[in-house]
């Protein structure tokens, strides 16, 4: 029989937990958080799952910390009291992840003057972020990670940065068809130091803007081509990779690689051309397409091909 025994009641718990630096908790037991609040004062990384709006124990725990730097909030509530408690740490928070952007979060973010990492995953496509984001300033932001968020939201956030972004990941976006060109354009205008970025090659003008990204963003290491590539762009895109991409670029994710290469022979020719370009780094090619001949992958030493997801 498995017995439940609260960790806070273990002998020596007060001493052991007094220096706790990081907490990852999925419990909804507010007494647990109240207990920790009496012992822990040095938590800098806090990841909690919010099961209901009030969560008074979580609030108390946040209030009792000296300086929280990393915040991960999982839940679909306004969490007004939690956000209010986090205001004590506005000068120290550098990393914020949340499952939903709420009006309460909106009023907190402008005060996070040292925020470097912002991730939003809106599982229900509520897009409440849209009506707030245009007013935000993210001058120190370095990493932007948005999932299930409209592309125009990403554009507005990028425009509010100060050129420090080096990673932008866009996943499962919607309503992107008419914003794809503007998004690519925003990258080369506002992100001179970008290294890892999601780009679009599905609509008119997106290829031309990608070429400008290659020219202006000389630190670029990885690109993720979102969804399908317009068939009209394929030959020009492959040529751009060979002739215009910065020498730093070596990681390329194409969802369906067969869209670009009609046969194993055409892929082989591209790999030979890549290898013949002086200064090109070893190619890391990623794809969900498993129809490529494995002999080609091994012969031309395509790194990480079967991993599917680009390693960011």
C-alpha atoms as a PDB file:
ATOM      1  CA  UNK A   1       0.000   0.000   0.000  1.00  0.00           C
ATOM      2  CA  UNK A   2       1.413   3.356  -1.070  1.00  0.00           C
ATOM      3  CA  UNK A   3       1.083   6.004   1.622  1.00  0.00           C
ATOM      4  CA  UNK A   4       1.053   9.741   1.023  1.00  0.00           C
ATOM      5  CA  UNK A   5       3.425  11.653   3.252  1.00  0.00           C
ATOM      6  CA  UNK A   6       3.861  15.406   2.719  1.00  0.00           C
ATOM      7  CA  UNK A   7       7.422  16.280   1.747  1.00  0.00           C
ATOM      8  CA  UNK A   8       7.334  19.277   4.067  1.00  0.00           C
ATOM      9  CA  UNK A   9       7.022  16.949   7.070  1.00  0.00           C
ATOM     10  CA  UNK A  10      10.098  14.881   6.302  1.00  0.00           C
ATOM     11  CA  UNK A  11      12.881  15.286   8.895  1.00  0.00           C
ATOM     12  CA  UNK A  12      15.219  18.075   7.838  1.00  0.00           C
ATOM     13  CA  UNK A  13      12.845  19.409   5.168  1.00  0.00           C
ATOM     14  CA  UNK A  14      13.188  22.961   6.446  1.00  0.00           C
ATOM     15  CA  UNK A  15      16.941  22.894   5.942  1.00  0.00           C
ATOM     16  CA  UNK A  16      16.888  21.016   2.623  1.00  0.00           C
ATOM     17  CA  UNK A  17      14.202  23.179   1.028  1.00  0.00           C
ATOM     18  CA  UNK A  18      15.394  26.523   2.364  1.00  0.00           C
ATOM     19  CA  UNK A  19      17.812  26.836  -0.566  1.00  0.00           C
ATOM     20  CA  UNK A  20      15.391  25.575  -3.222  1.00  0.00           C
ATOM     21  CA  UNK A  21      16.241  27.295  -6.523  1.00  0.00           C
ATOM     22  CA  UNK A  22      13.741  25.736  -8.944  1.00  0.00           C
ATOM     23  CA  UNK A  23      10.201  24.417  -8.494  1.00  0.00           C
ATOM     24  CA  UNK A  24       8.236  22.416 -11.066  1.00  0.00           C
ATOM     25  CA  UNK A  25       4.893  21.473  -9.574  1.00  0.00           C
ATOM     26  CA  UNK A  26       1.649  20.075 -10.968  1.00  0.00           C
ATOM     27  CA  UNK A  27      -0.162  19.781  -7.653  1.00  0.00           C
ATOM     28  CA  UNK A  28      -3.331  21.758  -7.042  1.00  0.00           C
ATOM     29  CA  UNK A  29      -2.952  21.479  -3.260  1.00  0.00           C
ATOM     30  CA  UNK A  30      -2.726  25.062  -2.021  1.00  0.00           C
ATOM     31  CA  UNK A  31      -1.613  23.916   1.440  1.00  0.00           C
ATOM     32  CA  UNK A  32       1.524  22.538  -0.207  1.00  0.00           C
ATOM     33  CA  UNK A  33       2.356  25.978  -1.610  1.00  0.00           C
ATOM     34  CA  UNK A  34       1.554  27.669   1.697  1.00  0.00           C
ATOM     35  CA  UNK A  35       3.989  25.315   3.404  1.00  0.00           C
ATOM     36  CA  UNK A  36       6.735  26.024   0.874  1.00  0.00           C
ATOM     37  CA  UNK A  37       6.162  29.757   1.282  1.00  0.00           C
ATOM     38  CA  UNK A  38       7.181  29.496   4.933  1.00  0.00           C
ATOM     39  CA  UNK A  39      10.463  27.770   4.050  1.00  0.00           C
ATOM     40  CA  UNK A  40      11.570  28.842   0.564  1.00  0.00           C
ATOM     41  CA  UNK A  41      12.741  32.373  -0.171  1.00  0.00           C
ATOM     42  CA  UNK A  42      15.215  31.813  -3.024  1.00  0.00           C
ATOM     43  CA  UNK A  43      13.160  30.261  -5.833  1.00  0.00           C
ATOM     44  CA  UNK A  44      14.203  31.771  -9.172  1.00  0.00           C
ATOM     45  CA  UNK A  45      12.555  29.289 -11.562  1.00  0.00           C
ATOM     46  CA  UNK A  46       8.852  28.700 -10.984  1.00  0.00           C
ATOM     47  CA  UNK A  47       6.708  26.374 -13.103  1.00  0.00           C
ATOM     48  CA  UNK A  48       3.196  25.760 -11.800  1.00  0.00           C
ATOM     49  CA  UNK A  49      -0.056  24.393 -13.184  1.00  0.00           C
ATOM     50  CA  UNK A  50      -3.021  26.621 -12.358  1.00  0.00           C
ATOM     51  CA  UNK A  51      -6.222  24.651 -11.791  1.00  0.00           C
ATOM     52  CA  UNK A  52      -8.463  27.478 -10.677  1.00  0.00           C
ATOM     53  CA  UNK A  53      -8.510  31.260 -10.565  1.00  0.00           C
ATOM     54  CA  UNK A  54      -7.664  32.048  -6.951  1.00  0.00           C
ATOM     55  CA  UNK A  55      -4.719  29.697  -6.168  1.00  0.00           C
ATOM     56  CA  UNK A  56      -3.930  31.534  -2.890  1.00  0.00           C
ATOM     57  CA  UNK A  57      -1.074  29.212  -1.971  1.00  0.00           C
ATOM     58  CA  UNK A  58       0.743  29.945  -5.236  1.00  0.00           C
ATOM     59  CA  UNK A  59       0.194  33.658  -4.659  1.00  0.00           C
ATOM     60  CA  UNK A  60       1.738  33.448  -1.196  1.00  0.00           C
ATOM     61  CA  UNK A  61       4.721  31.472  -2.473  1.00  0.00           C
ATOM     62  CA  UNK A  62       5.422  34.093  -5.153  1.00  0.00           C
ATOM     63  CA  UNK A  63       5.140  36.932  -2.648  1.00  0.00           C
ATOM     64  CA  UNK A  64       7.679  35.339  -0.314  1.00  0.00           C
ATOM     65  CA  UNK A  65      10.470  34.955  -2.892  1.00  0.00           C
ATOM     66  CA  UNK A  66      13.399  37.360  -3.131  1.00  0.00           C
ATOM     67  CA  UNK A  67      13.601  37.477  -6.928  1.00  0.00           C
ATOM     68  CA  UNK A  68      11.931  35.231  -9.476  1.00  0.00           C
ATOM     69  CA  UNK A  69      13.579  35.168 -12.905  1.00  0.00           C
ATOM     70  CA  UNK A  70      11.835  32.386 -14.837  1.00  0.00           C
ATOM     71  CA  UNK A  71       8.049  31.999 -14.854  1.00  0.00           C
ATOM     72  CA  UNK A  72       6.062  29.164 -16.467  1.00  0.00           C
ATOM     73  CA  UNK A  73       2.275  29.357 -16.070  1.00  0.00           C
ATOM     74  CA  UNK A  74       0.145  26.453 -17.300  1.00  0.00           C
ATOM     75  CA  UNK A  75      -3.570  27.125 -17.127  1.00  0.00           C
ATOM     76  CA  UNK A  76      -6.463  28.941 -18.728  1.00  0.00           C
ATOM     77  CA  UNK A  77      -7.476  31.484 -16.131  1.00  0.00           C
ATOM     78  CA  UNK A  78      -6.983  35.210 -15.702  1.00  0.00           C
ATOM     79  CA  UNK A  79      -4.896  34.541 -12.580  1.00  0.00           C
ATOM     80  CA  UNK A  80      -5.272  38.151 -11.475  1.00  0.00           C
ATOM     81  CA  UNK A  81      -3.902  37.609  -7.982  1.00  0.00           C
ATOM     82  CA  UNK A  82      -0.948  35.596  -9.272  1.00  0.00           C
ATOM     83  CA  UNK A  83      -0.118  38.338 -11.754  1.00  0.00           C
ATOM     84  CA  UNK A  84      -0.435  40.919  -8.997  1.00  0.00           C
ATOM     85  CA  UNK A  85       2.048  38.937  -6.894  1.00  0.00           C
ATOM     86  CA  UNK A  86       4.476  38.735  -9.826  1.00  0.00           C
ATOM     87  CA  UNK A  87       4.632  42.533  -9.983  1.00  0.00           C
ATOM     88  CA  UNK A  88       7.046  42.353  -7.068  1.00  0.00           C
ATOM     89  CA  UNK A  89       9.493  40.671  -9.455  1.00  0.00           C
ATOM     90  CA  UNK A  90       9.124  42.870 -12.541  1.00  0.00           C
ATOM     91  CA  UNK A  91      12.796  43.874 -12.485  1.00  0.00           C
ATOM     92  CA  UNK A  92      14.094  40.309 -12.206  1.00  0.00           C
ATOM     93  CA  UNK A  93      11.829  38.323 -14.582  1.00  0.00           C
ATOM     94  CA  UNK A  94      13.708  37.558 -17.796  1.00  0.00           C
ATOM     95  CA  UNK A  95      11.790  34.485 -19.003  1.00  0.00           C
ATOM     96  CA  UNK A  96       7.999  34.139 -19.333  1.00  0.00           C
ATOM     97  CA  UNK A  97       6.006  31.203 -20.732  1.00  0.00           C
ATOM     98  CA  UNK A  98       2.233  30.862 -20.636  1.00  0.00           C
ATOM     99  CA  UNK A  99      -0.546  28.768 -22.098  1.00  0.00           C
ATOM    100  CA  UNK A 100      -2.830  31.733 -22.686  1.00  0.00           C
ATOM    101  CA  UNK A 101      -2.337  35.459 -23.044  1.00  0.00           C
ATOM    102  CA  UNK A 102      -4.840  37.217 -20.775  1.00  0.00           C
ATOM    103  CA  UNK A 103      -5.667  40.824 -20.018  1.00  0.00           C
ATOM    104  CA  UNK A 104      -3.945  40.437 -16.640  1.00  0.00           C
ATOM    105  CA  UNK A 105      -0.720  39.301 -18.300  1.00  0.00           C
ATOM    106  CA  UNK A 106      -0.994  42.229 -20.697  1.00  0.00           C
ATOM    107  CA  UNK A 107      -0.717  44.743 -17.892  1.00  0.00           C
ATOM    108  CA  UNK A 108       2.276  42.909 -16.434  1.00  0.00           C
ATOM    109  CA  UNK A 109       4.457  42.551 -19.536  1.00  0.00           C
ATOM    110  CA  UNK A 110       5.152  46.267 -20.174  1.00  0.00           C
ATOM    111  CA  UNK A 111       6.681  46.377 -16.697  1.00  0.00           C
ATOM    112  CA  UNK A 112       9.049  43.474 -17.413  1.00  0.00           C
ATOM    113  CA  UNK A 113      11.846  45.735 -18.577  1.00  0.00           C
ATOM    114  CA  UNK A 114      14.417  42.934 -18.648  1.00  0.00           C
ATOM    115  CA  UNK A 115      12.293  40.287 -20.407  1.00  0.00           C
ATOM    116  CA  UNK A 116      14.416  38.268 -22.834  1.00  0.00           C
ATOM    117  CA  UNK A 117      12.280  35.219 -23.586  1.00  0.00           C
ATOM    118  CA  UNK A 118       8.553  35.189 -24.368  1.00  0.00           C
ATOM    119  CA  UNK A 119       6.561  32.082 -25.235  1.00  0.00           C
ATOM    120  CA  UNK A 120       2.806  31.896 -25.763  1.00  0.00           C
ATOM    121  CA  UNK A 121       0.927  28.734 -26.685  1.00  0.00           C
ATOM    122  CA  UNK A 122      -2.754  29.534 -27.165  1.00  0.00           C
ATOM    123  CA  UNK A 123      -4.233  26.043 -27.387  1.00  0.00           C
ATOM    124  CA  UNK A 124      -7.743  27.309 -28.011  1.00  0.00           C
ATOM    125  CA  UNK A 125      -6.939  30.030 -30.534  1.00  0.00           C
ATOM    126  CA  UNK A 126      -8.498  32.660 -28.297  1.00  0.00           C
ATOM    127  CA  UNK A 127      -6.088  35.283 -29.627  1.00  0.00           C
ATOM    128  CA  UNK A 128      -6.834  37.677 -26.796  1.00  0.00           C
ATOM    129  CA  UNK A 129      -3.235  38.739 -27.321  1.00  0.00           C
ATOM    130  CA  UNK A 130      -4.169  40.559 -30.525  1.00  0.00           C
ATOM    131  CA  UNK A 131      -5.908  43.536 -28.962  1.00  0.00           C
ATOM    132  CA  UNK A 132      -3.069  44.188 -26.520  1.00  0.00           C
ATOM    133  CA  UNK A 133       0.192  43.439 -28.261  1.00  0.00           C
ATOM    134  CA  UNK A 134       0.455  46.570 -30.395  1.00  0.00           C
ATOM    135  CA  UNK A 135       1.012  48.647 -27.269  1.00  0.00           C
ATOM    136  CA  UNK A 136       3.892  46.582 -25.922  1.00  0.00           C
ATOM    137  CA  UNK A 137       7.603  47.335 -26.029  1.00  0.00           C
ATOM    138  CA  UNK A 138      10.070  44.472 -25.851  1.00  0.00           C
ATOM    139  CA  UNK A 139      13.406  46.239 -26.197  1.00  0.00           C
ATOM    140  CA  UNK A 140      15.463  43.471 -24.554  1.00  0.00           C
ATOM    141  CA  UNK A 141      13.613  40.517 -26.074  1.00  0.00           C
ATOM    142  CA  UNK A 142      15.948  37.883 -27.541  1.00  0.00           C
ATOM    143  CA  UNK A 143      13.684  34.863 -28.098  1.00  0.00           C
ATOM    144  CA  UNK A 144      10.086  34.856 -29.356  1.00  0.00           C
ATOM    145  CA  UNK A 145       8.192  31.558 -29.453  1.00  0.00           C
ATOM    146  CA  UNK A 146       4.530  31.728 -30.552  1.00  0.00           C
ATOM    147  CA  UNK A 147       2.198  28.810 -31.224  1.00  0.00           C
ATOM    148  CA  UNK A 148      -1.407  28.956 -32.454  1.00  0.00           C
ATOM    149  CA  UNK A 149      -1.172  32.728 -32.634  1.00  0.00           C
ATOM    150  CA  UNK A 150      -2.104  34.929 -35.600  1.00  0.00           C
ATOM    151  CA  UNK A 151       0.873  36.023 -37.688  1.00  0.00           C
ATOM    152  CA  UNK A 152       0.038  39.712 -37.389  1.00  0.00           C
ATOM    153  CA  UNK A 153       0.603  39.395 -33.648  1.00  0.00           C
ATOM    154  CA  UNK A 154       4.136  38.119 -34.253  1.00  0.00           C
ATOM    155  CA  UNK A 155       4.753  40.990 -36.663  1.00  0.00           C
ATOM    156  CA  UNK A 156       3.723  43.600 -34.099  1.00  0.00           C
ATOM    157  CA  UNK A 157       5.884  42.082 -31.379  1.00  0.00           C
ATOM    158  CA  UNK A 158       8.940  41.921 -33.647  1.00  0.00           C
ATOM    159  CA  UNK A 159       8.466  45.558 -34.617  1.00  0.00           C
ATOM    160  CA  UNK A 160       8.498  46.522 -30.943  1.00  0.00           C
ATOM    161  CA  UNK A 161      11.924  44.982 -30.319  1.00  0.00           C
ATOM    162  CA  UNK A 162      15.298  46.669 -30.442  1.00  0.00           C
ATOM    163  CA  UNK A 163      17.246  44.406 -32.800  1.00  0.00           C
ATOM    164  CA  UNK A 164      18.221  41.891 -30.116  1.00  0.00           C
ATOM    165  CA  UNK A 165      16.071  38.991 -31.331  1.00  0.00           C
ATOM    166  CA  UNK A 166      18.176  35.992 -32.334  1.00  0.00           C
ATOM    167  CA  UNK A 167      15.485  33.305 -32.345  1.00  0.00           C
ATOM    168  CA  UNK A 168      11.905  33.422 -33.655  1.00  0.00           C
ATOM    169  CA  UNK A 169       9.766  30.305 -33.780  1.00  0.00           C
ATOM    170  CA  UNK A 170       6.235  30.310 -35.180  1.00  0.00           C
ATOM    171  CA  UNK A 171       4.178  27.135 -34.875  1.00  0.00           C
ATOM    172  CA  UNK A 172       0.656  26.177 -35.920  1.00  0.00           C
ATOM    173  CA  UNK A 173      -0.226  29.712 -36.858  1.00  0.00           C
ATOM    174  CA  UNK A 174      -3.475  30.537 -38.609  1.00  0.00           C
ATOM    175  CA  UNK A 175      -4.693  33.391 -40.801  1.00  0.00           C
ATOM    176  CA  UNK A 176      -1.184  33.691 -42.205  1.00  0.00           C
ATOM    177  CA  UNK A 177      -1.757  33.681 -45.960  1.00  0.00           C
ATOM    178  CA  UNK A 178      -2.120  37.434 -46.374  1.00  0.00           C
ATOM    179  CA  UNK A 179       0.577  38.255 -43.795  1.00  0.00           C
ATOM    180  CA  UNK A 180       3.391  35.951 -44.912  1.00  0.00           C
ATOM    181  CA  UNK A 181       5.200  38.522 -47.066  1.00  0.00           C
ATOM    182  CA  UNK A 182       4.966  41.215 -44.387  1.00  0.00           C
ATOM    183  CA  UNK A 183       6.270  38.776 -41.785  1.00  0.00           C
ATOM    184  CA  UNK A 184       9.356  37.858 -43.864  1.00  0.00           C
ATOM    185  CA  UNK A 185       9.885  41.558 -44.508  1.00  0.00           C
ATOM    186  CA  UNK A 186       9.707  42.333 -40.791  1.00  0.00           C
ATOM    187  CA  UNK A 187      12.498  39.830 -40.122  1.00  0.00           C
ATOM    188  CA  UNK A 188      15.078  41.511 -42.340  1.00  0.00           C
ATOM    189  CA  UNK A 189      14.029  44.992 -41.230  1.00  0.00           C
ATOM    190  CA  UNK A 190      14.047  44.468 -37.465  1.00  0.00           C
ATOM    191  CA  UNK A 191      16.221  41.404 -36.777  1.00  0.00           C
ATOM    192  CA  UNK A 192      19.813  41.952 -37.956  1.00  0.00           C
ATOM    193  CA  UNK A 193      21.112  39.464 -35.370  1.00  0.00           C
ATOM    194  CA  UNK A 194      18.682  36.643 -36.085  1.00  0.00           C
ATOM    195  CA  UNK A 195      20.157  33.120 -36.020  1.00  0.00           C
ATOM    196  CA  UNK A 196      17.123  30.817 -35.979  1.00  0.00           C
ATOM    197  CA  UNK A 197      13.869  31.775 -37.672  1.00  0.00           C
ATOM    198  CA  UNK A 198      10.625  30.463 -39.121  1.00  0.00           C
ATOM    199  CA  UNK A 199       9.941  31.789 -42.634  1.00  0.00           C
ATOM    200  CA  UNK A 200       7.150  31.470 -45.206  1.00  0.00           C
ATOM    201  CA  UNK A 201       7.360  30.617 -48.906  1.00  0.00           C
ATOM    202  CA  UNK A 202       3.713  30.192 -49.791  1.00  0.00           C
ATOM    203  CA  UNK A 203       2.497  33.551 -51.109  1.00  0.00           C
ATOM    204  CA  UNK A 204       3.536  36.206 -53.623  1.00  0.00           C
ATOM    205  CA  UNK A 205       6.586  38.187 -52.574  1.00  0.00           C
ATOM    206  CA  UNK A 206       7.714  35.814 -49.828  1.00  0.00           C
ATOM    207  CA  UNK A 207      10.664  34.505 -51.846  1.00  0.00           C
ATOM    208  CA  UNK A 208      11.930  38.014 -52.581  1.00  0.00           C
ATOM    209  CA  UNK A 209      11.749  38.872 -48.887  1.00  0.00           C
ATOM    210  CA  UNK A 210      13.618  35.674 -48.011  1.00  0.00           C
ATOM    211  CA  UNK A 211      16.420  36.756 -50.327  1.00  0.00           C
ATOM    212  CA  UNK A 212      16.632  40.029 -48.387  1.00  0.00           C
ATOM    213  CA  UNK A 213      16.796  38.028 -45.152  1.00  0.00           C
ATOM    214  CA  UNK A 214      19.775  36.140 -46.585  1.00  0.00           C
ATOM    215  CA  UNK A 215      21.473  39.400 -47.538  1.00  0.00           C
ATOM    216  CA  UNK A 216      20.812  41.413 -44.379  1.00  0.00           C
ATOM    217  CA  UNK A 217      20.903  38.722 -41.690  1.00  0.00           C
ATOM    218  CA  UNK A 218      24.481  37.516 -41.830  1.00  0.00           C
ATOM    219  CA  UNK A 219      24.335  35.550 -38.567  1.00  0.00           C
ATOM    220  CA  UNK A 220      21.583  33.235 -39.809  1.00  0.00           C
ATOM    221  CA  UNK A 221      22.167  29.574 -38.911  1.00  0.00           C
ATOM    222  CA  UNK A 222      18.774  27.886 -39.282  1.00  0.00           C
ATOM    223  CA  UNK A 223      15.504  28.376 -41.148  1.00  0.00           C
ATOM    224  CA  UNK A 224      12.222  26.547 -40.713  1.00  0.00           C
ATOM    225  CA  UNK A 225      10.036  26.690 -43.826  1.00  0.00           C
ATOM    226  CA  UNK A 226       6.482  26.806 -42.506  1.00  0.00           C
ATOM    227  CA  UNK A 227       4.217  24.272 -44.217  1.00  0.00           C
ATOM    228  CA  UNK A 228       4.214  23.968 -48.002  1.00  0.00           C
ATOM    229  CA  UNK A 229       6.404  25.857 -50.461  1.00  0.00           C
ATOM    230  CA  UNK A 230       4.702  27.438 -53.461  1.00  0.00           C
ATOM    231  CA  UNK A 231       5.662  25.189 -56.380  1.00  0.00           C
ATOM    232  CA  UNK A 232       6.534  28.269 -58.460  1.00  0.00           C
ATOM    233  CA  UNK A 233       9.297  29.137 -55.995  1.00  0.00           C
ATOM    234  CA  UNK A 234      11.047  25.798 -55.668  1.00  0.00           C
ATOM    235  CA  UNK A 235      13.822  26.197 -58.261  1.00  0.00           C
ATOM    236  CA  UNK A 236      14.548  29.785 -57.254  1.00  0.00           C
ATOM    237  CA  UNK A 237      14.504  28.853 -53.577  1.00  0.00           C
ATOM    238  CA  UNK A 238      17.077  26.097 -54.051  1.00  0.00           C
ATOM    239  CA  UNK A 239      19.251  28.439 -56.078  1.00  0.00           C
ATOM    240  CA  UNK A 240      18.997  31.076 -53.337  1.00  0.00           C
ATOM    241  CA  UNK A 241      20.206  28.541 -50.799  1.00  0.00           C
ATOM    242  CA  UNK A 242      23.279  27.869 -52.902  1.00  0.00           C
ATOM    243  CA  UNK A 243      24.096  31.357 -54.131  1.00  0.00           C
ATOM    244  CA  UNK A 244      22.714  33.910 -51.661  1.00  0.00           C
ATOM    245  CA  UNK A 245      22.396  32.310 -48.229  1.00  0.00           C
ATOM    246  CA  UNK A 246      25.015  33.439 -45.685  1.00  0.00           C
ATOM    247  CA  UNK A 247      27.793  30.919 -45.078  1.00  0.00           C
ATOM    248  CA  UNK A 248      26.571  30.554 -41.500  1.00  0.00           C
ATOM    249  CA  UNK A 249      23.313  28.909 -42.655  1.00  0.00           C
ATOM    250  CA  UNK A 250      23.516  25.148 -42.225  1.00  0.00           C
ATOM    251  CA  UNK A 251      20.179  23.991 -40.744  1.00  0.00           C
ATOM    252  CA  UNK A 252      17.137  23.825 -43.010  1.00  0.00           C
ATOM    253  CA  UNK A 253      13.746  22.355 -42.167  1.00  0.00           C
ATOM    254  CA  UNK A 254      11.386  21.583 -45.055  1.00  0.00           C
ATOM    255  CA  UNK A 255       8.159  19.878 -43.996  1.00  0.00           C
ATOM    256  CA  UNK A 256       7.750  17.882 -47.200  1.00  0.00           C
ATOM    257  CA  UNK A 257      11.110  17.615 -48.884  1.00  0.00           C
ATOM    258  CA  UNK A 258       9.545  15.902 -51.891  1.00  0.00           C
ATOM    259  CA  UNK A 259       7.989  19.291 -52.718  1.00  0.00           C
ATOM    260  CA  UNK A 260      11.499  20.516 -53.522  1.00  0.00           C
ATOM    261  CA  UNK A 261      13.043  17.392 -54.993  1.00  0.00           C
ATOM    262  CA  UNK A 262      11.012  15.390 -57.458  1.00  0.00           C
ATOM    263  CA  UNK A 263      13.428  12.481 -57.238  1.00  0.00           C
ATOM    264  CA  UNK A 264      16.339  11.146 -55.260  1.00  0.00           C
ATOM    265  CA  UNK A 265      18.572  12.187 -58.143  1.00  0.00           C
ATOM    266  CA  UNK A 266      17.559  15.857 -57.871  1.00  0.00           C
ATOM    267  CA  UNK A 267      18.291  15.806 -54.134  1.00  0.00           C
ATOM    268  CA  UNK A 268      21.661  14.216 -54.852  1.00  0.00           C
ATOM    269  CA  UNK A 269      22.557  16.976 -57.321  1.00  0.00           C
ATOM    270  CA  UNK A 270      21.618  19.665 -54.796  1.00  0.00           C
ATOM    271  CA  UNK A 271      23.791  18.062 -52.136  1.00  0.00           C
ATOM    272  CA  UNK A 272      26.721  17.879 -54.533  1.00  0.00           C
ATOM    273  CA  UNK A 273      26.289  21.561 -55.393  1.00  0.00           C
ATOM    274  CA  UNK A 274      26.100  22.457 -51.696  1.00  0.00           C
ATOM    275  CA  UNK A 275      29.342  20.611 -51.033  1.00  0.00           C
ATOM    276  CA  UNK A 276      31.103  22.365 -53.912  1.00  0.00           C
ATOM    277  CA  UNK A 277      30.353  25.870 -52.619  1.00  0.00           C
ATOM    278  CA  UNK A 278      33.422  27.072 -50.767  1.00  0.00           C
ATOM    279  CA  UNK A 279      32.833  27.914 -47.145  1.00  0.00           C
ATOM    280  CA  UNK A 280      29.482  26.125 -46.819  1.00  0.00           C
ATOM    281  CA  UNK A 281      29.044  24.319 -43.509  1.00  0.00           C
ATOM    282  CA  UNK A 282      27.937  20.699 -43.263  1.00  0.00           C
ATOM    283  CA  UNK A 283      24.239  20.628 -44.131  1.00  0.00           C
ATOM    284  CA  UNK A 284      21.688  19.690 -41.465  1.00  0.00           C
ATOM    285  CA  UNK A 285      18.481  18.915 -43.337  1.00  0.00           C
ATOM    286  CA  UNK A 286      15.232  18.164 -41.515  1.00  0.00           C
ATOM    287  CA  UNK A 287      11.986  16.824 -42.923  1.00  0.00           C
ATOM    288  CA  UNK A 288       8.889  14.827 -42.049  1.00  0.00           C
ATOM    289  CA  UNK A 289       9.134  13.128 -45.446  1.00  0.00           C
ATOM    290  CA  UNK A 290      10.450   9.587 -45.024  1.00  0.00           C
ATOM    291  CA  UNK A 291      10.384   8.752 -48.727  1.00  0.00           C
ATOM    292  CA  UNK A 292      13.981   9.807 -49.309  1.00  0.00           C
ATOM    293  CA  UNK A 293      16.458   7.033 -50.034  1.00  0.00           C
ATOM    294  CA  UNK A 294      18.448   6.368 -46.863  1.00  0.00           C
ATOM    295  CA  UNK A 295      21.574   5.647 -48.930  1.00  0.00           C
ATOM    296  CA  UNK A 296      21.609   9.281 -50.053  1.00  0.00           C
ATOM    297  CA  UNK A 297      21.234  10.500 -46.492  1.00  0.00           C
ATOM    298  CA  UNK A 298      24.219   8.440 -45.358  1.00  0.00           C
ATOM    299  CA  UNK A 299      26.393   8.969 -48.440  1.00  0.00           C
ATOM    300  CA  UNK A 300      26.177  12.751 -48.296  1.00  0.00           C
ATOM    301  CA  UNK A 301      26.230  12.850 -44.504  1.00  0.00           C
ATOM    302  CA  UNK A 302      22.992  14.811 -44.105  1.00  0.00           C
ATOM    303  CA  UNK A 303      23.002  15.537 -40.401  1.00  0.00           C
ATOM    304  CA  UNK A 304      19.858  14.946 -38.306  1.00  0.00           C
ATOM    305  CA  UNK A 305      17.639  14.191 -41.310  1.00  0.00           C
ATOM    306  CA  UNK A 306      15.516  11.616 -39.532  1.00  0.00           C
ATOM    307  CA  UNK A 307      15.094  13.736 -36.403  1.00  0.00           C
ATOM    308  CA  UNK A 308      12.360  15.704 -38.188  1.00  0.00           C
ATOM    309  CA  UNK A 309      12.428  18.644 -35.777  1.00  0.00           C
ATOM    310  CA  UNK A 310      15.177  21.175 -36.178  1.00  0.00           C
ATOM    311  CA  UNK A 311      17.269  21.372 -33.022  1.00  0.00           C
ATOM    312  CA  UNK A 312      16.858  24.864 -31.663  1.00  0.00           C
END
